[in-house]
Amino acid sequence: MKGSVLNKYQKAYERYMQEIKMRSEVISKIAFENSKGGLLTGHIDTDLDMAYLQGRKICELIMYACVAANQASSKQLNSKLKKSYKPAEIKKHLLDINSHFFPKARDRIGDPDKGPTEVIPSSELHLALDIDELTSFWGKSGDFLHAKRSANVPQEKKRESLAVAVDFLMKVIKLLSHHWIVVDETTQFAVLMQPVDRETGRALDKVQVGILKQVAEQSI
């Protein structure tokens, strides 16, 4: 594996994560208003459209990031992987070359001065988004990409659909807040979506993607 190739796709992975973070903030604002009984746009239908469109793009960005991690290994990838936006299709082709292609949520990040800091409680790691939930949500999101022929959907049903989008975001956060993703047998990317300045304790806007070398397979 060439270092220049690894660095190129490390930066690509970082860009995808940064965009996911930006789009997640839109759903977070919708969720916040919904928790108070309000609506971000003032209308349930447009809140739904916004939440599901951003969620759909988050699904696609996660899968594009998975492709980038595998491109970093200098493997020859199926040409469809470089063009497809469909999660199920990308999953199928990635599984052929890497059974650990999907991000793995981590509960702690090591700090040599202060010891490990918990990012996501260990008891919640099983709630992180998995690949099947991602493909399922992406499929559901298609219902919100076009105008409806019928306006007879009950308000309660719309609220339930909005709750599904908010739950999806919570799962994405648990998956990506601090995660590792396999590049090859000796290399992984380690990612912090909300890094903190050690001196000031201030949350930083920029996502951090580091390179881990020679991590034992059983620890993945």
C-alpha atoms as a PDB file:
ATOM      1  CA  MET A   1       0.000   0.000   0.000  1.00  0.00           C
ATOM      2  CA  LYS A   2       1.448   3.391  -1.012  1.00  0.00           C
ATOM      3  CA  GLY A   3       1.464   6.102   1.639  1.00  0.00           C
ATOM      4  CA  SER A   4       0.292   8.689  -0.890  1.00  0.00           C
ATOM      5  CA  VAL A   5      -2.756   6.570  -1.756  1.00  0.00           C
ATOM      6  CA  LEU A   6      -3.547   5.997   1.925  1.00  0.00           C
ATOM      7  CA  ASN A   7      -3.347   9.722   2.657  1.00  0.00           C
ATOM      8  CA  LYS A   8      -5.483  10.580  -0.366  1.00  0.00           C
ATOM      9  CA  TYR A   9      -8.353   8.384   0.780  1.00  0.00           C
ATOM     10  CA  GLN A  10      -7.864   9.335   4.417  1.00  0.00           C
ATOM     11  CA  LYS A  11      -8.703  12.889   3.340  1.00  0.00           C
ATOM     12  CA  ALA A  12     -11.628  11.644   1.242  1.00  0.00           C
ATOM     13  CA  TYR A  13     -12.972   9.728   4.240  1.00  0.00           C
ATOM     14  CA  GLU A  14     -12.654  12.863   6.358  1.00  0.00           C
ATOM     15  CA  ARG A  15     -14.627  14.906   3.788  1.00  0.00           C
ATOM     16  CA  TYR A  16     -17.455  12.361   3.791  1.00  0.00           C
ATOM     17  CA  MET A  17     -17.587  12.383   7.596  1.00  0.00           C
ATOM     18  CA  GLN A  18     -17.578  16.185   7.678  1.00  0.00           C
ATOM     19  CA  GLU A  19     -20.545  16.294   5.312  1.00  0.00           C
ATOM     20  CA  ILE A  20     -22.366  13.667   7.380  1.00  0.00           C
ATOM     21  CA  LYS A  21     -21.820  15.832  10.448  1.00  0.00           C
ATOM     22  CA  MET A  22     -23.233  18.874   8.646  1.00  0.00           C
ATOM     23  CA  ARG A  23     -26.319  17.025   7.414  1.00  0.00           C
ATOM     24  CA  SER A  24     -26.864  15.418  10.821  1.00  0.00           C
ATOM     25  CA  GLU A  25     -27.162  18.881  12.337  1.00  0.00           C
ATOM     26  CA  VAL A  26     -30.223  19.570  10.179  1.00  0.00           C
ATOM     27  CA  ILE A  27     -32.027  16.492  11.532  1.00  0.00           C
ATOM     28  CA  SER A  28     -30.886  17.431  15.061  1.00  0.00           C
ATOM     29  CA  LYS A  29     -32.582  20.823  14.719  1.00  0.00           C
ATOM     30  CA  ILE A  30     -35.779  19.140  13.521  1.00  0.00           C
ATOM     31  CA  ALA A  31     -35.583  16.696  16.451  1.00  0.00           C
ATOM     32  CA  PHE A  32     -35.079  19.543  18.934  1.00  0.00           C
ATOM     33  CA  GLU A  33     -38.151  21.407  17.710  1.00  0.00           C
ATOM     34  CA  ASN A  34     -40.155  18.184  17.659  1.00  0.00           C
ATOM     35  CA  SER A  35     -39.193  17.443  21.291  1.00  0.00           C
ATOM     36  CA  LYS A  36     -40.874  20.732  22.257  1.00  0.00           C
ATOM     37  CA  GLY A  37     -43.971  19.910  20.222  1.00  0.00           C
ATOM     38  CA  GLY A  38     -42.925  22.303  17.458  1.00  0.00           C
ATOM     39  CA  LEU A  39     -41.757  22.106  13.861  1.00  0.00           C
ATOM     40  CA  LEU A  40     -38.593  23.563  12.345  1.00  0.00           C
ATOM     41  CA  THR A  41     -40.287  24.681   9.114  1.00  0.00           C
ATOM     42  CA  GLY A  42     -43.719  25.197  10.611  1.00  0.00           C
ATOM     43  CA  HIS A  43     -45.167  22.285   8.618  1.00  0.00           C
ATOM     44  CA  ILE A  44     -44.903  18.554   9.381  1.00  0.00           C
ATOM     45  CA  ASP A  45     -44.659  17.600   5.702  1.00  0.00           C
ATOM     46  CA  THR A  46     -41.655  19.804   4.975  1.00  0.00           C
ATOM     47  CA  ASP A  47     -39.973  18.721   8.233  1.00  0.00           C
ATOM     48  CA  LEU A  48     -40.422  15.123   7.097  1.00  0.00           C
ATOM     49  CA  ASP A  49     -39.031  15.859   3.652  1.00  0.00           C
ATOM     50  CA  MET A  50     -35.976  17.582   5.125  1.00  0.00           C
ATOM     51  CA  ALA A  51     -35.294  14.844   7.674  1.00  0.00           C
ATOM     52  CA  TYR A  52     -35.597  11.971   5.208  1.00  0.00           C
ATOM     53  CA  LEU A  53     -33.655  13.703   2.436  1.00  0.00           C
ATOM     54  CA  GLN A  54     -30.763  14.420   4.810  1.00  0.00           C
ATOM     55  CA  GLY A  55     -31.001  10.882   6.212  1.00  0.00           C
ATOM     56  CA  ARG A  56     -30.896   9.414   2.711  1.00  0.00           C
ATOM     57  CA  LYS A  57     -27.778  11.416   1.865  1.00  0.00           C
ATOM     58  CA  ILE A  58     -26.170  10.352   5.154  1.00  0.00           C
ATOM     59  CA  CYS A  59     -26.760   6.703   4.165  1.00  0.00           C
ATOM     60  CA  GLU A  60     -25.087   7.289   0.814  1.00  0.00           C
ATOM     61  CA  LEU A  61     -22.177   9.203   2.352  1.00  0.00           C
ATOM     62  CA  ILE A  62     -21.498   6.409   4.843  1.00  0.00           C
ATOM     63  CA  MET A  63     -21.325   3.933   1.975  1.00  0.00           C
ATOM     64  CA  TYR A  64     -19.119   6.247  -0.112  1.00  0.00           C
ATOM     65  CA  ALA A  65     -16.809   6.479   2.913  1.00  0.00           C
ATOM     66  CA  CYS A  66     -16.693   2.671   3.094  1.00  0.00           C
ATOM     67  CA  VAL A  67     -15.636   2.599  -0.552  1.00  0.00           C
ATOM     68  CA  ALA A  68     -12.946   5.234   0.110  1.00  0.00           C
ATOM     69  CA  ALA A  69     -11.535   3.168   2.998  1.00  0.00           C
ATOM     70  CA  ASN A  70     -11.197   0.204   0.659  1.00  0.00           C
ATOM     71  CA  GLN A  71      -9.698   2.337  -2.104  1.00  0.00           C
ATOM     72  CA  ALA A  72      -7.035   3.334   0.437  1.00  0.00           C
ATOM     73  CA  SER A  73      -5.820  -0.281   0.425  1.00  0.00           C
ATOM     74  CA  SER A  74      -4.959   0.030  -3.297  1.00  0.00           C
ATOM     75  CA  LYS A  75      -7.247  -2.928  -4.053  1.00  0.00           C
ATOM     76  CA  GLN A  76      -8.807  -3.194  -7.474  1.00  0.00           C
ATOM     77  CA  LEU A  77     -12.473  -2.398  -6.924  1.00  0.00           C
ATOM     78  CA  ASN A  78     -15.441  -3.258  -9.093  1.00  0.00           C
ATOM     79  CA  SER A  79     -16.190  -0.304 -11.386  1.00  0.00           C
ATOM     80  CA  LYS A  80     -19.766  -0.224 -10.066  1.00  0.00           C
ATOM     81  CA  LEU A  81     -18.435   0.733  -6.636  1.00  0.00           C
ATOM     82  CA  LYS A  82     -17.184   4.010  -8.054  1.00  0.00           C
ATOM     83  CA  LYS A  83     -20.554   4.866  -9.609  1.00  0.00           C
ATOM     84  CA  SER A  84     -23.324   3.298  -7.525  1.00  0.00           C
ATOM     85  CA  TYR A  85     -25.194   5.300  -4.878  1.00  0.00           C
ATOM     86  CA  LYS A  86     -27.370   2.352  -3.759  1.00  0.00           C
ATOM     87  CA  PRO A  87     -26.300   1.014  -0.342  1.00  0.00           C
ATOM     88  CA  ALA A  88     -27.378  -2.576  -1.012  1.00  0.00           C
ATOM     89  CA  GLU A  89     -25.404  -2.700  -4.259  1.00  0.00           C
ATOM     90  CA  ILE A  90     -22.306  -1.169  -2.651  1.00  0.00           C
ATOM     91  CA  LYS A  91     -22.608  -3.609   0.262  1.00  0.00           C
ATOM     92  CA  LYS A  92     -22.756  -6.574  -2.099  1.00  0.00           C
ATOM     93  CA  HIS A  93     -19.556  -5.623  -3.929  1.00  0.00           C
ATOM     94  CA  LEU A  94     -17.621  -4.595  -0.801  1.00  0.00           C
ATOM     95  CA  LEU A  95     -18.377  -7.891   0.909  1.00  0.00           C
ATOM     96  CA  ASP A  96     -16.552  -9.636  -1.921  1.00  0.00           C
ATOM     97  CA  ILE A  97     -13.274  -7.987  -0.905  1.00  0.00           C
ATOM     98  CA  ASN A  98     -13.637  -7.083   2.790  1.00  0.00           C
ATOM     99  CA  SER A  99     -15.986  -8.713   5.285  1.00  0.00           C
ATOM    100  CA  HIS A 100     -15.216  -5.883   7.780  1.00  0.00           C
ATOM    101  CA  PHE A 101     -15.997  -3.009   5.404  1.00  0.00           C
ATOM    102  CA  PHE A 102     -18.545  -1.254   7.678  1.00  0.00           C
ATOM    103  CA  PRO A 103     -17.545   1.186  10.465  1.00  0.00           C
ATOM    104  CA  LYS A 104     -17.218  -0.259  13.969  1.00  0.00           C
ATOM    105  CA  ALA A 105     -18.334   1.939  16.884  1.00  0.00           C
ATOM    106  CA  ARG A 106     -15.839   2.330  19.737  1.00  0.00           C
ATOM    107  CA  ASP A 107     -16.774   3.382  23.253  1.00  0.00           C
ATOM    108  CA  ARG A 108     -13.473   4.923  24.344  1.00  0.00           C
ATOM    109  CA  ILE A 109     -10.609   6.972  23.012  1.00  0.00           C
ATOM    110  CA  GLY A 110      -7.207   6.687  24.652  1.00  0.00           C
ATOM    111  CA  ASP A 111      -5.547   9.746  26.201  1.00  0.00           C
ATOM    112  CA  PRO A 112      -1.965   9.191  27.396  1.00  0.00           C
ATOM    113  CA  ASP A 113      -2.301  12.002  29.984  1.00  0.00           C
ATOM    114  CA  LYS A 114      -5.770  11.398  31.393  1.00  0.00           C
ATOM    115  CA  GLY A 115      -6.460   7.783  30.498  1.00  0.00           C
ATOM    116  CA  PRO A 116      -9.308   6.527  28.288  1.00  0.00           C
ATOM    117  CA  THR A 117     -12.331   8.791  27.959  1.00  0.00           C
ATOM    118  CA  GLU A 118     -15.765   7.297  27.344  1.00  0.00           C
ATOM    119  CA  VAL A 119     -17.368   8.617  24.150  1.00  0.00           C
ATOM    120  CA  ILE A 120     -20.395   6.329  23.883  1.00  0.00           C
ATOM    121  CA  PRO A 121     -21.430   4.281  26.947  1.00  0.00           C
ATOM    122  CA  SER A 122     -20.446   0.631  26.480  1.00  0.00           C
ATOM    123  CA  SER A 123     -24.031  -0.382  27.205  1.00  0.00           C
ATOM    124  CA  GLU A 124     -25.203   1.572  24.135  1.00  0.00           C
ATOM    125  CA  LEU A 125     -22.798   0.255  21.508  1.00  0.00           C
ATOM    126  CA  HIS A 126     -25.324  -2.370  20.414  1.00  0.00           C
ATOM    127  CA  LEU A 127     -27.688   0.491  19.508  1.00  0.00           C
ATOM    128  CA  ALA A 128     -25.316   1.784  16.812  1.00  0.00           C
ATOM    129  CA  LEU A 129     -26.578   1.735  13.226  1.00  0.00           C
ATOM    130  CA  ASP A 130     -25.820  -1.455  11.308  1.00  0.00           C
ATOM    131  CA  ILE A 131     -25.701  -2.018   7.576  1.00  0.00           C
ATOM    132  CA  ASP A 132     -29.159  -3.615   7.398  1.00  0.00           C
ATOM    133  CA  GLU A 133     -30.747  -0.667   9.220  1.00  0.00           C
ATOM    134  CA  LEU A 134     -28.962   1.701   6.862  1.00  0.00           C
ATOM    135  CA  THR A 135     -30.264  -0.007   3.732  1.00  0.00           C
ATOM    136  CA  SER A 136     -33.758  -0.204   5.251  1.00  0.00           C
ATOM    137  CA  PHE A 137     -33.869   3.526   6.062  1.00  0.00           C
ATOM    138  CA  TRP A 138     -32.511   4.424   2.635  1.00  0.00           C
ATOM    139  CA  GLY A 139     -35.364   2.453   1.081  1.00  0.00           C
ATOM    140  CA  LYS A 140     -37.985   4.174   3.261  1.00  0.00           C
ATOM    141  CA  SER A 141     -36.574   7.585   2.433  1.00  0.00           C
ATOM    142  CA  GLY A 142     -37.677   7.144  -1.175  1.00  0.00           C
ATOM    143  CA  ASP A 143     -41.260   7.682  -0.036  1.00  0.00           C
ATOM    144  CA  PHE A 144     -40.412  11.305   0.775  1.00  0.00           C
ATOM    145  CA  LEU A 145     -38.615  12.273  -2.428  1.00  0.00           C
ATOM    146  CA  HIS A 146     -41.745  12.972  -4.439  1.00  0.00           C
ATOM    147  CA  ALA A 147     -45.018  14.795  -3.914  1.00  0.00           C
ATOM    148  CA  LYS A 148     -47.853  12.633  -2.574  1.00  0.00           C
ATOM    149  CA  ARG A 149     -50.917  11.906  -4.682  1.00  0.00           C
ATOM    150  CA  SER A 150     -52.965  11.540  -1.484  1.00  0.00           C
ATOM    151  CA  ALA A 151     -53.111  14.070   1.351  1.00  0.00           C
ATOM    152  CA  ASN A 152     -55.026  11.739   3.663  1.00  0.00           C
ATOM    153  CA  VAL A 153     -52.095  10.616   5.833  1.00  0.00           C
ATOM    154  CA  PRO A 154     -53.056  11.135   9.516  1.00  0.00           C
ATOM    155  CA  GLN A 155     -50.974  13.595  11.524  1.00  0.00           C
ATOM    156  CA  GLU A 156     -50.123  10.880  14.038  1.00  0.00           C
ATOM    157  CA  LYS A 157     -48.685   8.727  11.256  1.00  0.00           C
ATOM    158  CA  LYS A 158     -46.560  11.653  10.107  1.00  0.00           C
ATOM    159  CA  ARG A 159     -45.279  12.156  13.664  1.00  0.00           C
ATOM    160  CA  GLU A 160     -44.360   8.474  13.800  1.00  0.00           C
ATOM    161  CA  SER A 161     -42.410   8.786  10.541  1.00  0.00           C
ATOM    162  CA  LEU A 162     -40.558  11.795  11.944  1.00  0.00           C
ATOM    163  CA  ALA A 163     -39.699   9.806  15.068  1.00  0.00           C
ATOM    164  CA  VAL A 164     -38.208   7.077  12.834  1.00  0.00           C
ATOM    165  CA  ALA A 165     -35.925   9.666  11.198  1.00  0.00           C
ATOM    166  CA  VAL A 166     -34.827  10.992  14.601  1.00  0.00           C
ATOM    167  CA  ASP A 167     -34.139   7.447  15.828  1.00  0.00           C
ATOM    168  CA  PHE A 168     -32.075   6.856  12.696  1.00  0.00           C
ATOM    169  CA  LEU A 169     -29.951   9.901  13.529  1.00  0.00           C
ATOM    170  CA  MET A 170     -29.378   8.638  17.096  1.00  0.00           C
ATOM    171  CA  LYS A 171     -28.122   5.345  15.671  1.00  0.00           C
ATOM    172  CA  VAL A 172     -25.827   7.168  13.236  1.00  0.00           C
ATOM    173  CA  ILE A 173     -24.351   9.206  16.102  1.00  0.00           C
ATOM    174  CA  LYS A 174     -23.713   6.056  18.155  1.00  0.00           C
ATOM    175  CA  LEU A 175     -22.037   4.442  15.150  1.00  0.00           C
ATOM    176  CA  LEU A 176     -19.837   7.316  14.019  1.00  0.00           C
ATOM    177  CA  SER A 177     -19.016   9.439  17.111  1.00  0.00           C
ATOM    178  CA  HIS A 178     -15.838   7.434  17.589  1.00  0.00           C
ATOM    179  CA  HIS A 179     -15.293   4.582  15.181  1.00  0.00           C
ATOM    180  CA  TRP A 180     -12.704   2.504  13.378  1.00  0.00           C
ATOM    181  CA  ILE A 181     -12.966   1.180   9.849  1.00  0.00           C
ATOM    182  CA  VAL A 182     -10.793  -1.530   8.288  1.00  0.00           C
ATOM    183  CA  VAL A 183      -8.581  -0.559   5.346  1.00  0.00           C
ATOM    184  CA  ASP A 184      -6.694  -3.865   5.154  1.00  0.00           C
ATOM    185  CA  GLU A 185      -5.193  -6.520   7.440  1.00  0.00           C
ATOM    186  CA  THR A 186      -2.730  -4.086   9.041  1.00  0.00           C
ATOM    187  CA  THR A 187      -4.410  -0.689   8.755  1.00  0.00           C
ATOM    188  CA  GLN A 188      -7.558   1.057   9.957  1.00  0.00           C
ATOM    189  CA  PHE A 189      -8.885   4.597  10.060  1.00  0.00           C
ATOM    190  CA  ALA A 190      -9.757   5.866  13.558  1.00  0.00           C
ATOM    191  CA  VAL A 191     -12.333   8.648  13.554  1.00  0.00           C
ATOM    192  CA  LEU A 192     -13.589  11.280  15.993  1.00  0.00           C
ATOM    193  CA  MET A 193     -16.606  13.228  14.785  1.00  0.00           C
ATOM    194  CA  GLN A 194     -16.555  15.702  17.701  1.00  0.00           C
ATOM    195  CA  PRO A 195     -12.947  16.057  18.866  1.00  0.00           C
ATOM    196  CA  VAL A 196     -12.182  18.267  21.867  1.00  0.00           C
ATOM    197  CA  ASP A 197      -9.302  20.703  22.298  1.00  0.00           C
ATOM    198  CA  ARG A 198      -7.270  19.277  25.184  1.00  0.00           C
ATOM    199  CA  GLU A 199      -6.189  22.695  26.445  1.00  0.00           C
ATOM    200  CA  THR A 200      -9.518  24.526  26.366  1.00  0.00           C
ATOM    201  CA  GLY A 201     -11.996  21.642  26.516  1.00  0.00           C
ATOM    202  CA  ARG A 202     -13.807  23.237  23.569  1.00  0.00           C
ATOM    203  CA  ALA A 203     -15.465  21.011  20.994  1.00  0.00           C
ATOM    204  CA  LEU A 204     -13.848  21.326  17.574  1.00  0.00           C
ATOM    205  CA  ASP A 205     -15.817  21.572  14.344  1.00  0.00           C
ATOM    206  CA  LYS A 206     -13.398  19.609  12.179  1.00  0.00           C
ATOM    207  CA  VAL A 207     -13.637  15.816  12.079  1.00  0.00           C
ATOM    208  CA  GLN A 208     -10.396  13.965  12.854  1.00  0.00           C
ATOM    209  CA  VAL A 209      -9.373  10.834  10.927  1.00  0.00           C
ATOM    210  CA  GLY A 210      -6.204   9.080  12.069  1.00  0.00           C
ATOM    211  CA  ILE A 211      -4.377   6.003  10.789  1.00  0.00           C
ATOM    212  CA  LEU A 212      -3.925   2.940  13.001  1.00  0.00           C
ATOM    213  CA  LYS A 213      -1.337   0.392  11.955  1.00  0.00           C
ATOM    214  CA  GLN A 214      -1.037  -3.306  12.830  1.00  0.00           C
ATOM    215  CA  VAL A 215      -4.195  -3.628  14.918  1.00  0.00           C
ATOM    216  CA  ALA A 216      -4.883  -7.272  15.822  1.00  0.00           C
ATOM    217  CA  GLU A 217      -7.833  -8.703  13.922  1.00  0.00           C
ATOM    218  CA  GLN A 218      -9.568  -9.960  17.078  1.00  0.00           C
ATOM    219  CA  SER A 219      -9.788  -6.400  18.400  1.00  0.00           C
ATOM    220  CA  ILE A 220     -11.807  -5.179  15.422  1.00  0.00           C
END
